[in-house]
């Protein structure tokens, strides 16, 4: 019985790792308006325009796929997130680096995490906020919370 439980846990760990690797070159875009009946090609063109116009990236970034996730809301008040699968990890890094150019807009770019990692990050948020209130430098890196003392107190 113990062996069966261990094998199941190991299988879940391997599946989580595989899912994380398949999401490795993905980013998620939030806040991009969506037209009723919009096709994947139209979504991809819209994303390409944002990459060039707002992020100041070149057209050389190759997109494997860009599609909305989930079902559209009945009242259509908030646009669905767009999963952007890029062909190269370097392109993903470039997109995430330039995401700061979107400040002041309602468009956000984030990494595409697995459901398990998203849950862990959500659980860590209260601790992150507490650390920041204490004046510490706190941030999330993947599914880990990093807390450092304030810069001015370093020796």
N, C-alpha and C. Protein backbone atom coordinates (compact mmCIF):
# COMPACT_ATOMS: atom_id res chain seq x y z
N UNK A 1 0.82 -1.19 0.00
CA UNK A 1 0.00 0.00 0.00
C UNK A 1 0.87 1.26 0.00
N UNK A 2 1.91 1.27 0.83
CA UNK A 2 2.81 2.43 0.90
C UNK A 2 3.51 2.61 -0.44
N UNK A 3 3.90 1.50 -1.05
CA UNK A 3 4.58 1.57 -2.34
C UNK A 3 3.66 2.17 -3.40
N UNK A 4 2.39 1.79 -3.39
CA UNK A 4 1.43 2.30 -4.36
C UNK A 4 1.26 3.82 -4.20
N UNK A 5 1.19 4.28 -2.94
CA UNK A 5 1.05 5.71 -2.68
C UNK A 5 2.28 6.46 -3.17
N UNK A 6 3.47 5.90 -2.92
CA UNK A 6 4.71 6.53 -3.35
C UNK A 6 4.77 6.61 -4.88
N UNK A 7 4.36 5.55 -5.55
CA UNK A 7 4.36 5.54 -7.02
C UNK A 7 3.39 6.59 -7.55
N UNK A 8 2.21 6.71 -6.93
CA UNK A 8 1.24 7.73 -7.35
C UNK A 8 1.79 9.13 -7.16
N UNK A 9 2.44 9.38 -6.02
CA UNK A 9 3.02 10.69 -5.77
C UNK A 9 4.12 11.00 -6.78
N UNK A 10 4.94 10.01 -7.07
CA UNK A 10 6.02 10.19 -8.05
C UNK A 10 5.43 10.47 -9.43
N UNK A 11 4.37 9.76 -9.79
CA UNK A 11 3.72 9.99 -11.09
C UNK A 11 3.18 11.41 -11.19
N UNK A 12 2.57 11.90 -10.11
CA UNK A 12 2.06 13.27 -10.11
C UNK A 12 3.19 14.28 -10.25
N UNK A 13 4.30 14.03 -9.57
CA UNK A 13 5.45 14.92 -9.66
C UNK A 13 5.98 14.96 -11.09
N UNK A 14 6.07 13.81 -11.72
CA UNK A 14 6.56 13.74 -13.10
C UNK A 14 5.59 14.47 -14.04
N UNK A 15 4.29 14.29 -13.83
CA UNK A 15 3.30 14.97 -14.66
C UNK A 15 3.38 16.49 -14.49
N UNK A 16 3.54 16.95 -13.24
CA UNK A 16 3.68 18.38 -12.99
C UNK A 16 4.91 18.93 -13.69
N UNK A 17 6.01 18.18 -13.62
CA UNK A 17 7.25 18.62 -14.28
C UNK A 17 7.04 18.71 -15.79
N UNK A 18 6.40 17.68 -16.36
CA UNK A 18 6.17 17.67 -17.81
C UNK A 18 5.27 18.83 -18.23
N UNK A 19 4.23 19.11 -17.44
CA UNK A 19 3.35 20.22 -17.76
C UNK A 19 4.10 21.55 -17.67
N UNK A 20 4.95 21.67 -16.65
CA UNK A 20 5.75 22.88 -16.50
C UNK A 20 6.69 23.09 -17.67
N UNK A 21 7.27 22.00 -18.16
CA UNK A 21 8.17 22.11 -19.31
C UNK A 21 7.41 22.48 -20.58
N UNK A 22 6.19 21.96 -20.72
CA UNK A 22 5.42 22.29 -21.92
C UNK A 22 4.95 23.75 -21.88
N UNK A 23 4.80 24.31 -20.68
CA UNK A 23 4.40 25.72 -20.53
C UNK A 23 5.60 26.66 -20.53
N UNK A 24 6.78 26.14 -20.63
CA UNK A 24 8.00 26.90 -20.43
C UNK A 24 8.13 28.10 -21.37
N UNK A 25 7.70 27.95 -22.60
CA UNK A 25 7.83 29.04 -23.57
C UNK A 25 6.55 29.86 -23.70
N UNK A 26 5.63 29.69 -22.76
CA UNK A 26 4.35 30.40 -22.81
C UNK A 26 4.36 31.64 -21.94
N UNK A 27 3.59 32.62 -22.34
CA UNK A 27 3.25 33.75 -21.48
C UNK A 27 1.75 33.96 -21.58
N UNK A 28 1.19 34.61 -20.55
CA UNK A 28 -0.25 34.88 -20.53
C UNK A 28 -0.45 36.38 -20.58
N UNK A 29 -1.28 36.82 -21.50
CA UNK A 29 -1.60 38.24 -21.65
C UNK A 29 -3.03 38.47 -21.15
N UNK A 30 -3.18 39.45 -20.28
CA UNK A 30 -4.50 39.82 -19.76
C UNK A 30 -4.82 41.24 -20.17
N UNK A 31 -6.11 41.50 -20.38
CA UNK A 31 -6.56 42.86 -20.63
C UNK A 31 -6.65 43.25 -22.10
N UNK A 32 -6.51 42.30 -22.99
CA UNK A 32 -6.62 42.60 -24.42
C UNK A 32 -8.05 42.33 -24.85
N UNK A 33 -8.69 43.34 -25.41
CA UNK A 33 -10.08 43.21 -25.83
C UNK A 33 -10.28 42.10 -26.84
N UNK A 34 -11.50 41.58 -26.84
CA UNK A 34 -11.79 40.42 -27.69
C UNK A 34 -13.10 40.68 -28.44
N UNK A 35 -13.09 40.38 -29.73
CA UNK A 35 -14.29 40.54 -30.54
C UNK A 35 -15.07 39.23 -30.55
N UNK A 36 -16.40 39.29 -30.59
CA UNK A 36 -17.18 38.04 -30.68
C UNK A 36 -16.82 37.29 -31.96
N UNK A 37 -16.60 36.00 -31.83
CA UNK A 37 -16.27 35.16 -32.98
C UNK A 37 -14.86 35.34 -33.50
N UNK A 38 -13.99 35.93 -32.70
CA UNK A 38 -12.60 36.17 -33.11
C UNK A 38 -11.87 34.84 -33.32
N UNK A 39 -11.13 34.72 -34.42
CA UNK A 39 -10.40 33.49 -34.71
C UNK A 39 -9.01 33.54 -34.08
N UNK A 40 -8.34 32.39 -34.06
CA UNK A 40 -6.98 32.32 -33.52
C UNK A 40 -6.05 33.22 -34.32
N UNK A 41 -6.25 33.26 -35.64
CA UNK A 41 -5.39 34.09 -36.49
C UNK A 41 -5.56 35.58 -36.15
N UNK A 42 -6.79 36.00 -35.92
CA UNK A 42 -7.03 37.39 -35.55
C UNK A 42 -6.42 37.72 -34.20
N UNK A 43 -6.54 36.78 -33.26
CA UNK A 43 -5.94 36.96 -31.94
C UNK A 43 -4.43 37.07 -32.07
N UNK A 44 -3.84 36.21 -32.89
CA UNK A 44 -2.39 36.23 -33.10
C UNK A 44 -1.94 37.56 -33.70
N UNK A 45 -2.66 38.08 -34.67
CA UNK A 45 -2.31 39.37 -35.28
C UNK A 45 -2.40 40.50 -34.26
N UNK A 46 -3.42 40.46 -33.43
CA UNK A 46 -3.59 41.48 -32.39
C UNK A 46 -2.40 41.44 -31.43
N UNK A 47 -1.98 40.23 -31.05
CA UNK A 47 -0.84 40.08 -30.14
C UNK A 47 0.44 40.56 -30.81
N UNK A 48 0.64 40.23 -32.08
CA UNK A 48 1.83 40.68 -32.81
C UNK A 48 1.91 42.20 -32.83
N UNK A 49 0.77 42.85 -33.05
CA UNK A 49 0.74 44.32 -33.06
C UNK A 49 1.16 44.88 -31.71
N UNK A 50 0.71 44.27 -30.62
CA UNK A 50 1.09 44.73 -29.28
C UNK A 50 2.58 44.52 -29.06
N UNK A 51 3.11 43.38 -29.49
CA UNK A 51 4.54 43.11 -29.31
C UNK A 51 5.39 44.15 -30.03
N UNK A 52 4.97 44.55 -31.22
CA UNK A 52 5.75 45.51 -32.01
C UNK A 52 5.51 46.94 -31.54
N UNK A 53 4.24 47.33 -31.41
CA UNK A 53 3.91 48.73 -31.11
C UNK A 53 4.17 49.11 -29.66
N UNK A 54 3.76 48.29 -28.73
CA UNK A 54 3.86 48.66 -27.32
C UNK A 54 5.13 48.15 -26.64
N UNK A 55 5.56 46.93 -26.99
CA UNK A 55 6.76 46.38 -26.36
C UNK A 55 8.02 46.72 -27.14
N UNK A 56 7.87 47.28 -28.34
CA UNK A 56 9.00 47.66 -29.18
C UNK A 56 9.88 46.46 -29.53
N UNK A 57 9.24 45.31 -29.73
CA UNK A 57 9.96 44.12 -30.17
C UNK A 57 9.87 44.03 -31.68
N UNK A 58 10.80 43.30 -32.27
CA UNK A 58 10.81 43.19 -33.72
C UNK A 58 9.90 42.06 -34.16
N UNK A 59 9.52 42.10 -35.39
CA UNK A 59 8.64 41.07 -35.96
C UNK A 59 9.31 39.70 -35.99
N UNK A 60 10.58 39.60 -35.65
CA UNK A 60 11.30 38.33 -35.70
C UNK A 60 10.86 37.33 -34.65
N UNK A 61 10.07 37.76 -33.68
CA UNK A 61 9.59 36.83 -32.66
C UNK A 61 8.55 35.93 -33.30
N UNK A 62 8.79 34.63 -33.21
CA UNK A 62 7.89 33.67 -33.85
C UNK A 62 6.90 33.13 -32.84
N UNK A 63 5.63 33.25 -33.19
CA UNK A 63 4.54 32.77 -32.34
C UNK A 63 4.08 31.43 -32.87
N UNK A 64 4.06 30.44 -31.99
CA UNK A 64 3.56 29.13 -32.37
C UNK A 64 2.04 29.14 -32.36
N UNK A 65 1.48 29.76 -31.30
CA UNK A 65 0.03 29.79 -31.17
C UNK A 65 -0.36 30.90 -30.20
N UNK A 66 -1.48 31.53 -30.46
CA UNK A 66 -2.05 32.53 -29.54
C UNK A 66 -3.54 32.28 -29.49
N UNK A 67 -4.05 31.96 -28.32
CA UNK A 67 -5.48 31.68 -28.20
C UNK A 67 -6.02 32.08 -26.84
N UNK A 68 -7.30 32.40 -26.80
CA UNK A 68 -7.96 32.75 -25.54
C UNK A 68 -8.27 31.47 -24.77
N UNK A 69 -8.28 31.58 -23.44
CA UNK A 69 -8.58 30.42 -22.61
C UNK A 69 -9.93 30.60 -21.94
N UNK A 70 -10.56 29.49 -21.63
CA UNK A 70 -11.84 29.52 -20.94
C UNK A 70 -12.97 29.91 -21.86
N UNK A 71 -14.17 29.92 -21.27
CA UNK A 71 -15.36 30.28 -22.03
C UNK A 71 -15.58 31.79 -21.92
N UNK A 72 -16.11 32.39 -22.98
CA UNK A 72 -16.40 33.82 -22.90
C UNK A 72 -17.50 34.08 -21.86
N UNK A 73 -17.37 35.18 -21.13
CA UNK A 73 -18.38 35.55 -20.14
C UNK A 73 -19.66 35.96 -20.85
N UNK A 74 -20.79 35.68 -20.22
CA UNK A 74 -22.09 36.01 -20.83
C UNK A 74 -22.24 37.52 -21.02
N UNK A 75 -21.77 38.29 -20.04
CA UNK A 75 -21.90 39.74 -20.14
C UNK A 75 -20.72 40.38 -20.88
N UNK A 76 -19.67 39.58 -21.16
CA UNK A 76 -18.51 40.02 -21.94
C UNK A 76 -17.87 41.30 -21.38
N UNK A 77 -17.84 41.42 -20.04
CA UNK A 77 -17.25 42.62 -19.43
C UNK A 77 -15.74 42.56 -19.37
N UNK A 78 -15.20 41.39 -19.09
CA UNK A 78 -13.74 41.30 -19.01
C UNK A 78 -13.23 40.32 -20.06
N UNK A 79 -12.19 40.71 -20.78
CA UNK A 79 -11.65 39.82 -21.81
C UNK A 79 -10.97 38.60 -21.21
N UNK A 80 -10.99 37.51 -21.95
CA UNK A 80 -10.34 36.28 -21.49
C UNK A 80 -8.83 36.41 -21.64
N UNK A 81 -8.08 35.71 -20.78
CA UNK A 81 -6.62 35.71 -20.94
C UNK A 81 -6.23 35.05 -22.26
N UNK A 82 -5.13 35.51 -22.81
CA UNK A 82 -4.59 34.93 -24.05
C UNK A 82 -3.31 34.19 -23.69
N UNK A 83 -3.24 32.91 -24.06
CA UNK A 83 -2.02 32.14 -23.89
C UNK A 83 -1.22 32.29 -25.17
N UNK A 84 0.00 32.76 -25.02
CA UNK A 84 0.89 32.99 -26.15
C UNK A 84 2.02 31.98 -26.07
N UNK A 85 2.05 31.05 -27.01
CA UNK A 85 3.10 30.04 -27.05
C UNK A 85 4.13 30.49 -28.07
N UNK A 86 5.33 30.77 -27.59
CA UNK A 86 6.41 31.24 -28.45
C UNK A 86 7.31 30.07 -28.84
N UNK A 87 7.95 30.16 -29.99
CA UNK A 87 8.79 29.06 -30.45
C UNK A 87 10.10 28.95 -29.68
N UNK A 88 10.60 30.08 -29.19
CA UNK A 88 11.89 30.06 -28.49
C UNK A 88 11.76 30.64 -27.09
N UNK A 89 12.49 30.03 -26.16
CA UNK A 89 12.51 30.50 -24.78
C UNK A 89 13.11 31.90 -24.70
N UNK A 90 14.07 32.20 -25.56
CA UNK A 90 14.68 33.54 -25.57
C UNK A 90 13.65 34.61 -25.92
N UNK A 91 12.74 34.27 -26.83
CA UNK A 91 11.67 35.21 -27.18
C UNK A 91 10.77 35.47 -25.97
N UNK A 92 10.47 34.42 -25.22
CA UNK A 92 9.66 34.55 -24.02
C UNK A 92 10.34 35.49 -23.02
N UNK A 93 11.64 35.30 -22.85
CA UNK A 93 12.39 36.16 -21.93
C UNK A 93 12.35 37.62 -22.39
N UNK A 94 12.48 37.84 -23.69
CA UNK A 94 12.44 39.20 -24.22
C UNK A 94 11.07 39.84 -23.99
N UNK A 95 10.01 39.07 -24.18
CA UNK A 95 8.66 39.59 -23.96
C UNK A 95 8.47 39.96 -22.49
N UNK A 96 8.91 39.08 -21.58
CA UNK A 96 8.75 39.36 -20.15
C UNK A 96 9.59 40.56 -19.71
N UNK A 97 10.78 40.71 -20.28
CA UNK A 97 11.63 41.86 -19.94
C UNK A 97 10.97 43.18 -20.35
N UNK A 98 10.32 43.17 -21.49
CA UNK A 98 9.72 44.40 -22.02
C UNK A 98 8.31 44.65 -21.49
N UNK A 99 7.78 43.75 -20.68
CA UNK A 99 6.42 43.90 -20.16
C UNK A 99 6.26 45.19 -19.37
N UNK A 100 7.37 45.69 -18.83
CA UNK A 100 7.29 46.95 -18.06
C UNK A 100 6.87 48.12 -18.94
N UNK A 101 7.03 48.00 -20.26
CA UNK A 101 6.59 49.05 -21.18
C UNK A 101 5.07 49.20 -21.22
N UNK A 102 4.37 48.24 -20.63
CA UNK A 102 2.91 48.28 -20.64
C UNK A 102 2.34 48.99 -19.42
N UNK A 103 3.21 49.53 -18.56
CA UNK A 103 2.71 50.25 -17.38
C UNK A 103 1.82 51.39 -17.83
N UNK A 104 0.71 51.56 -17.12
CA UNK A 104 -0.23 52.60 -17.47
C UNK A 104 -1.31 52.14 -18.43
N UNK A 105 -1.12 50.98 -19.03
CA UNK A 105 -2.18 50.40 -19.86
C UNK A 105 -2.87 49.35 -18.99
N UNK A 106 -3.92 48.78 -19.47
CA UNK A 106 -4.59 47.71 -18.73
C UNK A 106 -4.20 46.35 -19.28
N UNK A 107 -3.04 46.26 -19.89
CA UNK A 107 -2.54 45.00 -20.44
C UNK A 107 -1.42 44.50 -19.54
N UNK A 108 -1.50 43.22 -19.19
CA UNK A 108 -0.51 42.61 -18.30
C UNK A 108 0.03 41.34 -18.93
N UNK A 109 1.33 41.11 -18.74
CA UNK A 109 1.97 39.90 -19.25
C UNK A 109 2.59 39.17 -18.08
N UNK A 110 2.27 37.88 -17.96
CA UNK A 110 2.79 37.06 -16.87
C UNK A 110 3.25 35.72 -17.42
N UNK A 111 4.03 35.03 -16.61
CA UNK A 111 4.45 33.69 -16.97
C UNK A 111 3.26 32.75 -16.90
N UNK A 112 3.30 31.67 -17.66
CA UNK A 112 2.25 30.67 -17.66
C UNK A 112 2.67 29.54 -16.72
N UNK A 113 2.09 29.52 -15.54
CA UNK A 113 2.41 28.49 -14.55
C UNK A 113 1.39 27.37 -14.59
N UNK A 114 1.78 26.21 -14.07
CA UNK A 114 0.85 25.11 -13.93
C UNK A 114 -0.15 25.44 -12.83
N UNK A 115 -1.24 24.70 -12.78
CA UNK A 115 -2.25 24.94 -11.74
C UNK A 115 -1.68 24.76 -10.34
N UNK A 116 -0.81 23.76 -10.17
CA UNK A 116 -0.20 23.50 -8.86
C UNK A 116 0.65 24.69 -8.43
N UNK A 117 1.45 25.22 -9.31
CA UNK A 117 2.31 26.36 -8.99
C UNK A 117 1.45 27.60 -8.71
N UNK A 118 0.39 27.79 -9.50
CA UNK A 118 -0.50 28.93 -9.26
C UNK A 118 -1.11 28.87 -7.86
N UNK A 119 -1.51 27.67 -7.43
CA UNK A 119 -2.09 27.50 -6.08
C UNK A 119 -1.05 27.83 -5.01
N UNK A 120 0.19 27.35 -5.18
CA UNK A 120 1.25 27.63 -4.21
C UNK A 120 1.52 29.12 -4.13
N UNK A 121 1.57 29.79 -5.27
CA UNK A 121 1.82 31.23 -5.30
C UNK A 121 0.69 31.98 -4.59
N UNK A 122 -0.54 31.54 -4.82
CA UNK A 122 -1.68 32.18 -4.17
C UNK A 122 -1.61 32.03 -2.65
N UNK A 123 -1.18 30.86 -2.19
CA UNK A 123 -1.03 30.63 -0.75
C UNK A 123 0.08 31.50 -0.15
N UNK A 124 1.10 31.81 -0.93
CA UNK A 124 2.23 32.59 -0.43
C UNK A 124 1.98 34.10 -0.43
N UNK A 125 0.96 34.56 -1.13
CA UNK A 125 0.72 36.00 -1.24
C UNK A 125 0.54 36.71 0.11
N UNK A 126 -0.24 36.18 1.06
CA UNK A 126 -0.35 36.88 2.35
C UNK A 126 1.00 37.06 3.05
N UNK A 127 1.87 36.05 2.98
CA UNK A 127 3.21 36.16 3.59
C UNK A 127 4.05 37.20 2.85
N UNK A 128 3.90 37.27 1.55
CA UNK A 128 4.62 38.27 0.76
C UNK A 128 4.20 39.68 1.18
N UNK A 129 2.90 39.90 1.31
CA UNK A 129 2.40 41.23 1.71
C UNK A 129 2.87 41.59 3.11
N UNK A 130 2.85 40.61 4.04
CA UNK A 130 3.31 40.86 5.41
C UNK A 130 4.78 41.29 5.42
N UNK A 131 5.60 40.57 4.65
CA UNK A 131 7.03 40.90 4.61
C UNK A 131 7.25 42.30 4.05
N UNK A 132 6.52 42.66 3.03
CA UNK A 132 6.65 44.00 2.45
C UNK A 132 6.20 45.07 3.42
N UNK A 133 5.16 44.79 4.19
CA UNK A 133 4.70 45.76 5.20
C UNK A 133 5.76 45.98 6.27
N UNK A 134 6.56 44.94 6.55
CA UNK A 134 7.66 45.06 7.53
C UNK A 134 8.86 45.78 6.93
N UNK A 135 8.80 46.13 5.65
CA UNK A 135 9.89 46.85 5.01
C UNK A 135 10.92 45.94 4.36
N UNK A 136 10.65 44.65 4.33
CA UNK A 136 11.59 43.71 3.71
C UNK A 136 11.34 43.64 2.21
N UNK A 137 12.34 43.20 1.49
CA UNK A 137 12.20 42.99 0.05
C UNK A 137 11.68 41.57 -0.13
N UNK A 138 10.51 41.45 -0.72
CA UNK A 138 9.89 40.14 -0.89
C UNK A 138 9.34 40.01 -2.30
N UNK A 139 9.55 38.83 -2.88
CA UNK A 139 9.02 38.56 -4.21
C UNK A 139 8.86 37.06 -4.39
N UNK A 140 8.07 36.69 -5.38
CA UNK A 140 7.86 35.28 -5.69
C UNK A 140 8.73 34.92 -6.89
N UNK A 141 9.38 33.80 -6.78
CA UNK A 141 10.13 33.25 -7.91
C UNK A 141 9.62 31.82 -8.10
N UNK A 142 8.89 31.63 -9.17
CA UNK A 142 8.21 30.37 -9.47
C UNK A 142 7.25 30.05 -8.33
N UNK A 143 7.51 29.00 -7.55
CA UNK A 143 6.61 28.67 -6.44
C UNK A 143 7.27 28.88 -5.09
N UNK A 144 8.27 29.75 -5.05
CA UNK A 144 9.01 30.04 -3.80
C UNK A 144 8.88 31.51 -3.45
N UNK A 145 8.83 31.78 -2.15
CA UNK A 145 8.82 33.15 -1.64
C UNK A 145 10.23 33.52 -1.21
N UNK A 146 10.77 34.58 -1.77
CA UNK A 146 12.10 35.07 -1.44
C UNK A 146 11.93 36.34 -0.60
N UNK A 147 12.53 36.34 0.60
CA UNK A 147 12.47 37.51 1.47
C UNK A 147 13.89 37.90 1.81
N UNK A 148 14.20 39.18 1.59
CA UNK A 148 15.53 39.71 1.89
C UNK A 148 15.39 40.94 2.77
N UNK A 149 16.42 41.24 3.56
CA UNK A 149 16.36 42.47 4.35
C UNK A 149 16.41 43.69 3.42
N UNK A 150 15.97 44.84 3.91
CA UNK A 150 16.01 46.05 3.08
C UNK A 150 17.44 46.35 2.62
N UNK A 151 17.57 46.95 1.45
CA UNK A 151 18.87 47.25 0.85
C UNK A 151 19.75 48.10 1.75
N UNK A 152 19.17 49.10 2.40
CA UNK A 152 19.98 50.04 3.17
C UNK A 152 20.59 49.41 4.42
N UNK A 153 20.11 48.24 4.84
CA UNK A 153 20.67 47.64 6.05
C UNK A 153 21.76 46.62 5.74
N UNK A 154 22.07 46.43 4.44
CA UNK A 154 23.13 45.49 4.08
C UNK A 154 24.49 46.06 4.44
N UNK A 155 25.39 45.17 4.82
CA UNK A 155 26.74 45.61 5.21
C UNK A 155 27.65 45.72 4.03
